[in-house]
Structures are given as C-alpha cells and as structure tokens.
Amino acid sequence: MGESTVATFNAGASMLGYLYQVRVALLWAIRQSRIGDFSVSVETLDDVSFEANGDPIAVLQTKHSVHSTSGLSDLSPEL
C-alpha cells in the first residue's frame, strides 16, 4: 500500500465570517436600541435577525471576504 496523505482543514475563513456576523449584529443592535426592547439572533432566521414581541423586525444576510475586492451581483455564485 502507498503512503497515506492527511488532508489539512482550515476553518480560518469560516471563523472570520462568523466573527463578522457578530460585529454586524452588535452594530445593528446599537442602532436598533432606540426602538425599545428587542432580541438579536445569529444564525437563526438568517445570518443576523432582530425580533420585537416575537415578530421579526430585521433580517440581515452578511458576507465577509478575505479579499480586498469582491464582485457580488444577482448572478454571483456567492449568493
């Protein structure tokens, strides 16, 4: 039998995406704090969601890229 190779797994890019979601959630929570009581969730209805009295008031889809430029459009495979 030949030598076995060990595949390496790097979750760094995914972790950056999750940390970005948390930062977006905190920023929007500060902005939403003017409207009164609400709850904020990460990875429930969408990437970041806000609810007041059990009703969704904002649902956000976030996208983080490690590259300085990215081309998101309606036809982008990222969407």
PDB file of N, CA and C in Angstrom:
ATOM      1  N   MET A   1       0.829  -1.179   0.000  1.00  0.00           N
ATOM      2  CA  MET A   1       0.000   0.000   0.000  1.00  0.00           C
ATOM      3  C   MET A   1       0.872   1.241   0.000  1.00  0.00           C
ATOM      4  N   GLY A   2       0.389   2.282  -0.656  1.00  0.00           N
ATOM      5  CA  GLY A   2       1.130   3.533  -0.739  1.00  0.00           C
ATOM      6  C   GLY A   2       0.991   4.346   0.536  1.00  0.00           C
ATOM      7  N   GLU A   3       1.735   5.422   0.563  1.00  0.00           N
ATOM      8  CA  GLU A   3       1.665   6.307   1.716  1.00  0.00           C
ATOM      9  C   GLU A   3       0.308   6.991   1.765  1.00  0.00           C
ATOM     10  N   SER A   4      -0.203   7.132   2.967  1.00  0.00           N
ATOM     11  CA  SER A   4      -1.473   7.843   3.112  1.00  0.00           C
ATOM     12  C   SER A   4      -1.176   9.328   3.309  1.00  0.00           C
ATOM     13  N   THR A   5      -2.047  10.148   2.794  1.00  0.00           N
ATOM     14  CA  THR A   5      -1.876  11.586   2.959  1.00  0.00           C
ATOM     15  C   THR A   5      -2.941  12.091   3.917  1.00  0.00           C
ATOM     16  N   VAL A   6      -2.575  13.037   4.693  1.00  0.00           N
ATOM     17  CA  VAL A   6      -3.502  13.634   5.639  1.00  0.00           C
ATOM     18  C   VAL A   6      -3.962  14.964   5.060  1.00  0.00           C
ATOM     19  N   ALA A   7      -5.271  15.085   4.877  1.00  0.00           N
ATOM     20  CA  ALA A   7      -5.816  16.332   4.369  1.00  0.00           C
ATOM     21  C   ALA A   7      -5.837  17.360   5.503  1.00  0.00           C
ATOM     22  N   THR A   8      -5.448  18.556   5.180  1.00  0.00           N
ATOM     23  CA  THR A   8      -5.491  19.604   6.185  1.00  0.00           C
ATOM     24  C   THR A   8      -6.786  20.382   6.044  1.00  0.00           C
ATOM     25  N   PHE A   9      -7.319  20.767   7.163  1.00  0.00           N
ATOM     26  CA  PHE A   9      -8.571  21.522   7.187  1.00  0.00           C
ATOM     27  C   PHE A   9      -8.302  22.855   7.847  1.00  0.00           C
ATOM     28  N   ASN A  10      -8.697  23.922   7.190  1.00  0.00           N
ATOM     29  CA  ASN A  10      -8.500  25.250   7.721  1.00  0.00           C
ATOM     30  C   ASN A  10      -9.841  25.955   7.801  1.00  0.00           C
ATOM     31  N   ALA A  11     -10.276  26.242   9.009  1.00  0.00           N
ATOM     32  CA  ALA A  11     -11.569  26.904   9.210  1.00  0.00           C
ATOM     33  C   ALA A  11     -11.398  28.394   9.451  1.00  0.00           C
ATOM     34  N   GLY A  12     -10.221  28.925   9.150  1.00  0.00           N
ATOM     35  CA  GLY A  12      -9.957  30.339   9.408  1.00  0.00           C
ATOM     36  C   GLY A  12     -10.911  31.276   8.695  1.00  0.00           C
ATOM     37  N   ALA A  13     -11.172  31.021   7.423  1.00  0.00           N
ATOM     38  CA  ALA A  13     -12.075  31.898   6.663  1.00  0.00           C
ATOM     39  C   ALA A  13     -13.494  31.832   7.210  1.00  0.00           C
ATOM     40  N   SER A  14     -13.937  30.629   7.587  1.00  0.00           N
ATOM     41  CA  SER A  14     -15.278  30.492   8.167  1.00  0.00           C
ATOM     42  C   SER A  14     -15.373  31.220   9.493  1.00  0.00           C
ATOM     43  N   MET A  15     -14.341  31.112  10.307  1.00  0.00           N
ATOM     44  CA  MET A  15     -14.334  31.795  11.599  1.00  0.00           C
ATOM     45  C   MET A  15     -14.392  33.306  11.413  1.00  0.00           C
ATOM     46  N   LEU A  16     -13.672  33.829  10.435  1.00  0.00           N
ATOM     47  CA  LEU A  16     -13.738  35.266  10.153  1.00  0.00           C
ATOM     48  C   LEU A  16     -15.156  35.683   9.765  1.00  0.00           C
ATOM     49  N   GLY A  17     -15.832  34.834   9.005  1.00  0.00           N
ATOM     50  CA  GLY A  17     -17.213  35.115   8.616  1.00  0.00           C
ATOM     51  C   GLY A  17     -18.142  35.163   9.816  1.00  0.00           C
ATOM     52  N   TYR A  18     -17.992  34.216  10.748  1.00  0.00           N
ATOM     53  CA  TYR A  18     -18.825  34.199  11.951  1.00  0.00           C
ATOM     54  C   TYR A  18     -18.534  35.410  12.839  1.00  0.00           C
ATOM     55  N   LEU A  19     -17.266  35.766  12.984  1.00  0.00           N
ATOM     56  CA  LEU A  19     -16.920  36.941  13.771  1.00  0.00           C
ATOM     57  C   LEU A  19     -17.478  38.213  13.131  1.00  0.00           C
ATOM     58  N   TYR A  20     -17.489  38.259  11.805  1.00  0.00           N
ATOM     59  CA  TYR A  20     -18.074  39.400  11.098  1.00  0.00           C
ATOM     60  C   TYR A  20     -19.571  39.492  11.398  1.00  0.00           C
ATOM     61  N   GLN A  21     -20.264  38.349  11.421  1.00  0.00           N
ATOM     62  CA  GLN A  21     -21.691  38.343  11.746  1.00  0.00           C
ATOM     63  C   GLN A  21     -21.940  38.924  13.132  1.00  0.00           C
ATOM     64  N   VAL A  22     -21.103  38.563  14.082  1.00  0.00           N
ATOM     65  CA  VAL A  22     -21.257  39.075  15.445  1.00  0.00           C
ATOM     66  C   VAL A  22     -21.043  40.589  15.473  1.00  0.00           C
ATOM     67  N   ARG A  23     -20.049  41.068  14.745  1.00  0.00           N
ATOM     68  CA  ARG A  23     -19.799  42.513  14.691  1.00  0.00           C
ATOM     69  C   ARG A  23     -20.971  43.256  14.047  1.00  0.00           C
ATOM     70  N   VAL A  24     -21.520  42.704  12.977  1.00  0.00           N
ATOM     71  CA  VAL A  24     -22.685  43.319  12.333  1.00  0.00           C
ATOM     72  C   VAL A  24     -23.868  43.311  13.302  1.00  0.00           C
ATOM     73  N   ALA A  25     -24.061  42.207  14.012  1.00  0.00           N
ATOM     74  CA  ALA A  25     -25.152  42.116  14.980  1.00  0.00           C
ATOM     75  C   ALA A  25     -25.009  43.171  16.072  1.00  0.00           C
ATOM     76  N   LEU A  26     -23.804  43.366  16.576  1.00  0.00           N
ATOM     77  CA  LEU A  26     -23.584  44.382  17.612  1.00  0.00           C
ATOM     78  C   LEU A  26     -23.823  45.794  17.083  1.00  0.00           C
ATOM     79  N   LEU A  27     -23.344  46.073  15.885  1.00  0.00           N
ATOM     80  CA  LEU A  27     -23.555  47.395  15.294  1.00  0.00           C
ATOM     81  C   LEU A  27     -25.041  47.677  15.110  1.00  0.00           C
ATOM     82  N   TRP A  28     -25.766  46.728  14.532  1.00  0.00           N
ATOM     83  CA  TRP A  28     -27.194  46.921  14.320  1.00  0.00           C
ATOM     84  C   TRP A  28     -27.957  46.976  15.639  1.00  0.00           C
ATOM     85  N   ALA A  29     -27.496  46.240  16.652  1.00  0.00           N
ATOM     86  CA  ALA A  29     -28.148  46.283  17.961  1.00  0.00           C
ATOM     87  C   ALA A  29     -28.039  47.683  18.561  1.00  0.00           C
ATOM     88  N   ILE A  30     -26.886  48.311  18.379  1.00  0.00           N
ATOM     89  CA  ILE A  30     -26.732  49.690  18.858  1.00  0.00           C
ATOM     90  C   ILE A  30     -27.711  50.603  18.136  1.00  0.00           C
ATOM     91  N   ARG A  31     -27.833  50.434  16.839  1.00  0.00           N
ATOM     92  CA  ARG A  31     -28.753  51.270  16.053  1.00  0.00           C
ATOM     93  C   ARG A  31     -30.211  50.988  16.421  1.00  0.00           C
ATOM     94  N   GLN A  32     -30.549  49.729  16.631  1.00  0.00           N
ATOM     95  CA  GLN A  32     -31.924  49.343  16.941  1.00  0.00           C
ATOM     96  C   GLN A  32     -32.311  49.677  18.379  1.00  0.00           C
ATOM     97  N   SER A  33     -31.345  49.962  19.231  1.00  0.00           N
ATOM     98  CA  SER A  33     -31.634  50.195  20.647  1.00  0.00           C
ATOM     99  C   SER A  33     -32.558  51.380  20.873  1.00  0.00           C
ATOM    100  N   ARG A  34     -32.692  52.238  19.885  1.00  0.00           N
ATOM    101  CA  ARG A  34     -33.576  53.400  20.002  1.00  0.00           C
ATOM    102  C   ARG A  34     -35.052  53.029  19.950  1.00  0.00           C
ATOM    103  N   ILE A  35     -35.381  51.856  19.417  1.00  0.00           N
ATOM    104  CA  ILE A  35     -36.790  51.497  19.235  1.00  0.00           C
ATOM    105  C   ILE A  35     -37.387  50.795  20.444  1.00  0.00           C
ATOM    106  N   GLY A  36     -36.584  50.423  21.408  1.00  0.00           N
ATOM    107  CA  GLY A  36     -37.109  49.746  22.595  1.00  0.00           C
ATOM    108  C   GLY A  36     -36.564  48.338  22.706  1.00  0.00           C
ATOM    109  N   ASP A  37     -37.339  47.474  23.353  1.00  0.00           N
ATOM    110  CA  ASP A  37     -36.904  46.108  23.595  1.00  0.00           C
ATOM    111  C   ASP A  37     -36.925  45.267  22.320  1.00  0.00           C
ATOM    112  N   PHE A  38     -35.898  44.464  22.154  1.00  0.00           N
ATOM    113  CA  PHE A  38     -35.801  43.566  21.011  1.00  0.00           C
ATOM    114  C   PHE A  38     -34.830  42.462  21.378  1.00  0.00           C
ATOM    115  N   SER A  39     -34.805  41.431  20.561  1.00  0.00           N
ATOM    116  CA  SER A  39     -33.793  40.382  20.711  1.00  0.00           C
ATOM    117  C   SER A  39     -33.054  40.239  19.400  1.00  0.00           C
ATOM    118  N   VAL A  40     -31.790  39.874  19.500  1.00  0.00           N
ATOM    119  CA  VAL A  40     -30.956  39.691  18.317  1.00  0.00           C
ATOM    120  C   VAL A  40     -30.458  38.252  18.315  1.00  0.00           C
ATOM    121  N   SER A  41     -30.454  37.632  17.141  1.00  0.00           N
ATOM    122  CA  SER A  41     -30.001  36.249  16.989  1.00  0.00           C
ATOM    123  C   SER A  41     -29.017  36.163  15.834  1.00  0.00           C
ATOM    124  N   VAL A  42     -28.074  35.259  15.972  1.00  0.00           N
ATOM    125  CA  VAL A  42     -27.113  34.984  14.906  1.00  0.00           C
ATOM    126  C   VAL A  42     -27.338  33.548  14.453  1.00  0.00           C
ATOM    127  N   GLU A  43     -27.471  33.348  13.133  1.00  0.00           N
ATOM    128  CA  GLU A  43     -27.676  32.027  12.531  1.00  0.00           C
ATOM    129  C   GLU A  43     -28.984  31.368  12.959  1.00  0.00           C
ATOM    130  N   THR A  44     -30.086  32.131  12.989  1.00  0.00           N
ATOM    131  CA  THR A  44     -31.397  31.534  13.240  1.00  0.00           C
ATOM    132  C   THR A  44     -32.261  31.682  11.995  1.00  0.00           C
ATOM    133  N   LEU A  45     -32.975  32.798  11.866  1.00  0.00           N
ATOM    134  CA  LEU A  45     -33.765  33.024  10.658  1.00  0.00           C
ATOM    135  C   LEU A  45     -32.870  33.280   9.452  1.00  0.00           C
ATOM    136  N   ASP A  46     -31.771  33.963   9.691  1.00  0.00           N
ATOM    137  CA  ASP A  46     -30.763  34.259   8.674  1.00  0.00           C
ATOM    138  C   ASP A  46     -29.457  34.501   9.400  1.00  0.00           C
ATOM    139  N   ASP A  47     -28.503  35.158   8.773  1.00  0.00           N
ATOM    140  CA  ASP A  47     -27.223  35.394   9.444  1.00  0.00           C
ATOM    141  C   ASP A  47     -27.415  36.175  10.737  1.00  0.00           C
ATOM    142  N   VAL A  48     -28.127  37.287  10.666  1.00  0.00           N
ATOM    143  CA  VAL A  48     -28.434  38.100  11.839  1.00  0.00           C
ATOM    144  C   VAL A  48     -29.906  38.473  11.758  1.00  0.00           C
ATOM    145  N   SER A  49     -30.634  38.300  12.847  1.00  0.00           N
ATOM    146  CA  SER A  49     -32.051  38.674  12.835  1.00  0.00           C
ATOM    147  C   SER A  49     -32.420  39.364  14.141  1.00  0.00           C
ATOM    148  N   PHE A  50     -33.389  40.266  14.036  1.00  0.00           N
ATOM    149  CA  PHE A  50     -33.898  41.020  15.170  1.00  0.00           C
ATOM    150  C   PHE A  50     -35.387  40.753  15.295  1.00  0.00           C
ATOM    151  N   GLU A  51     -35.845  40.590  16.527  1.00  0.00           N
ATOM    152  CA  GLU A  51     -37.263  40.374  16.800  1.00  0.00           C
ATOM    153  C   GLU A  51     -37.711  41.304  17.914  1.00  0.00           C
ATOM    154  N   ALA A  52     -38.954  41.741  17.819  1.00  0.00           N
ATOM    155  CA  ALA A  52     -39.592  42.516  18.876  1.00  0.00           C
ATOM    156  C   ALA A  52     -40.968  41.910  19.099  1.00  0.00           C
ATOM    157  N   ASN A  53     -41.261  41.537  20.320  1.00  0.00           N
ATOM    158  CA  ASN A  53     -42.542  40.911  20.669  1.00  0.00           C
ATOM    159  C   ASN A  53     -42.810  39.658  19.841  1.00  0.00           C
ATOM    160  N   GLY A  54     -41.772  38.914  19.512  1.00  0.00           N
ATOM    161  CA  GLY A  54     -41.914  37.672  18.753  1.00  0.00           C
ATOM    162  C   GLY A  54     -42.035  37.840  17.254  1.00  0.00           C
ATOM    163  N   ASP A  55     -42.039  39.079  16.775  1.00  0.00           N
ATOM    164  CA  ASP A  55     -42.155  39.348  15.341  1.00  0.00           C
ATOM    165  C   ASP A  55     -40.814  39.808  14.781  1.00  0.00           C
ATOM    166  N   PRO A  56     -40.391  39.260  13.623  1.00  0.00           N
ATOM    167  CA  PRO A  56     -39.138  39.732  13.026  1.00  0.00           C
ATOM    168  C   PRO A  56     -39.246  41.185  12.596  1.00  0.00           C
ATOM    169  N   ILE A  57     -38.242  41.976  12.949  1.00  0.00           N
ATOM    170  CA  ILE A  57     -38.231  43.379  12.523  1.00  0.00           C
ATOM    171  C   ILE A  57     -37.099  43.665  11.546  1.00  0.00           C
ATOM    172  N   ALA A  58     -36.086  42.800  11.512  1.00  0.00           N
ATOM    173  CA  ALA A  58     -34.995  42.944  10.549  1.00  0.00           C
ATOM    174  C   ALA A  58     -34.294  41.594  10.417  1.00  0.00           C
ATOM    175  N   VAL A  59     -34.003  41.231   9.186  1.00  0.00           N
ATOM    176  CA  VAL A  59     -33.273  40.003   8.894  1.00  0.00           C
ATOM    177  C   VAL A  59     -32.138  40.379   7.951  1.00  0.00           C
ATOM    178  N   LEU A  60     -30.910  40.083   8.367  1.00  0.00           N
ATOM    179  CA  LEU A  60     -29.749  40.508   7.601  1.00  0.00           C
ATOM    180  C   LEU A  60     -28.978  39.320   7.055  1.00  0.00           C
ATOM    181  N   GLN A  61     -28.550  39.424   5.828  1.00  0.00           N
ATOM    182  CA  GLN A  61     -27.643  38.455   5.212  1.00  0.00           C
ATOM    183  C   GLN A  61     -26.290  39.135   5.119  1.00  0.00           C
ATOM    184  N   THR A  62     -25.272  38.556   5.747  1.00  0.00           N
ATOM    185  CA  THR A  62     -23.946  39.168   5.733  1.00  0.00           C
ATOM    186  C   THR A  62     -23.020  38.394   4.808  1.00  0.00           C
ATOM    187  N   LYS A  63     -21.996  39.067   4.344  1.00  0.00           N
ATOM    188  CA  LYS A  63     -20.986  38.440   3.501  1.00  0.00           C
ATOM    189  C   LYS A  63     -19.643  39.041   3.849  1.00  0.00           C
ATOM    190  N   HIS A  64     -18.702  38.199   4.210  1.00  0.00           N
ATOM    191  CA  HIS A  64     -17.347  38.649   4.523  1.00  0.00           C
ATOM    192  C   HIS A  64     -16.398  38.005   3.533  1.00  0.00           C
ATOM    193  N   SER A  65     -15.450  38.785   3.039  1.00  0.00           N
ATOM    194  CA  SER A  65     -14.462  38.275   2.097  1.00  0.00           C
ATOM    195  C   SER A  65     -13.070  38.637   2.590  1.00  0.00           C
ATOM    196  N   VAL A  66     -12.149  37.695   2.499  1.00  0.00           N
ATOM    197  CA  VAL A  66     -10.772  37.977   2.900  1.00  0.00           C
ATOM    198  C   VAL A  66     -10.027  38.740   1.818  1.00  0.00           C
ATOM    199  N   HIS A  67     -10.612  38.829   0.639  1.00  0.00           N
ATOM    200  CA  HIS A  67     -10.006  39.573  -0.464  1.00  0.00           C
ATOM    201  C   HIS A  67     -10.456  41.028  -0.392  1.00  0.00           C
ATOM    202  N   SER A  68      -9.603  41.929  -0.815  1.00  0.00           N
ATOM    203  CA  SER A  68      -9.929  43.345  -0.719  1.00  0.00           C
ATOM    204  C   SER A  68     -11.063  43.747  -1.654  1.00  0.00           C
ATOM    205  N   THR A  69     -11.234  43.034  -2.742  1.00  0.00           N
ATOM    206  CA  THR A  69     -12.333  43.336  -3.651  1.00  0.00           C
ATOM    207  C   THR A  69     -13.153  42.080  -3.864  1.00  0.00           C
ATOM    208  N   SER A  70     -14.428  42.263  -4.031  1.00  0.00           N
ATOM    209  CA  SER A  70     -15.286  41.131  -4.376  1.00  0.00           C
ATOM    210  C   SER A  70     -16.388  41.649  -5.276  1.00  0.00           C
ATOM    211  N   GLY A  71     -16.874  40.793  -6.124  1.00  0.00           N
ATOM    212  CA  GLY A  71     -17.903  41.190  -7.062  1.00  0.00           C
ATOM    213  C   GLY A  71     -19.205  40.461  -6.796  1.00  0.00           C
ATOM    214  N   LEU A  72     -20.022  41.006  -5.918  1.00  0.00           N
ATOM    215  CA  LEU A  72     -21.317  40.404  -5.651  1.00  0.00           C
ATOM    216  C   LEU A  72     -22.364  41.040  -6.556  1.00  0.00           C
ATOM    217  N   SER A  73     -23.109  40.198  -7.215  1.00  0.00           N
ATOM    218  CA  SER A  73     -24.207  40.663  -8.048  1.00  0.00           C
ATOM    219  C   SER A  73     -25.325  39.635  -7.949  1.00  0.00           C
ATOM    220  N   ASP A  74     -26.420  39.857  -8.645  1.00  0.00           N
ATOM    221  CA  ASP A  74     -27.539  38.918  -8.626  1.00  0.00           C
ATOM    222  C   ASP A  74     -27.146  37.546  -9.149  1.00  0.00           C
ATOM    223  N   LEU A  75     -26.161  37.480 -10.017  1.00  0.00           N
ATOM    224  CA  LEU A  75     -25.746  36.217 -10.619  1.00  0.00           C
ATOM    225  C   LEU A  75     -24.503  35.616  -9.960  1.00  0.00           C
ATOM    226  N   SER A  76     -24.033  36.228  -8.893  1.00  0.00           N
ATOM    227  CA  SER A  76     -22.833  35.750  -8.226  1.00  0.00           C
ATOM    228  C   SER A  76     -23.061  34.394  -7.563  1.00  0.00           C
ATOM    229  N   PRO A  77     -22.135  33.467  -7.695  1.00  0.00           N
ATOM    230  CA  PRO A  77     -22.297  32.170  -7.033  1.00  0.00           C
ATOM    231  C   PRO A  77     -22.276  32.297  -5.504  1.00  0.00           C
ATOM    232  N   GLU A  78     -21.755  33.401  -4.972  1.00  0.00           N
ATOM    233  CA  GLU A  78     -21.752  33.625  -3.528  1.00  0.00           C
ATOM    234  C   GLU A  78     -23.163  33.776  -2.986  1.00  0.00           C
ATOM    235  N   LEU A  79     -24.092  34.257  -3.824  1.00  0.00           N
ATOM    236  CA  LEU A  79     -25.473  34.444  -3.397  1.00  0.00           C
ATOM    237  C   LEU A  79     -26.279  33.207  -3.695  1.00  0.00           C
TER     238      LEU A  79
END
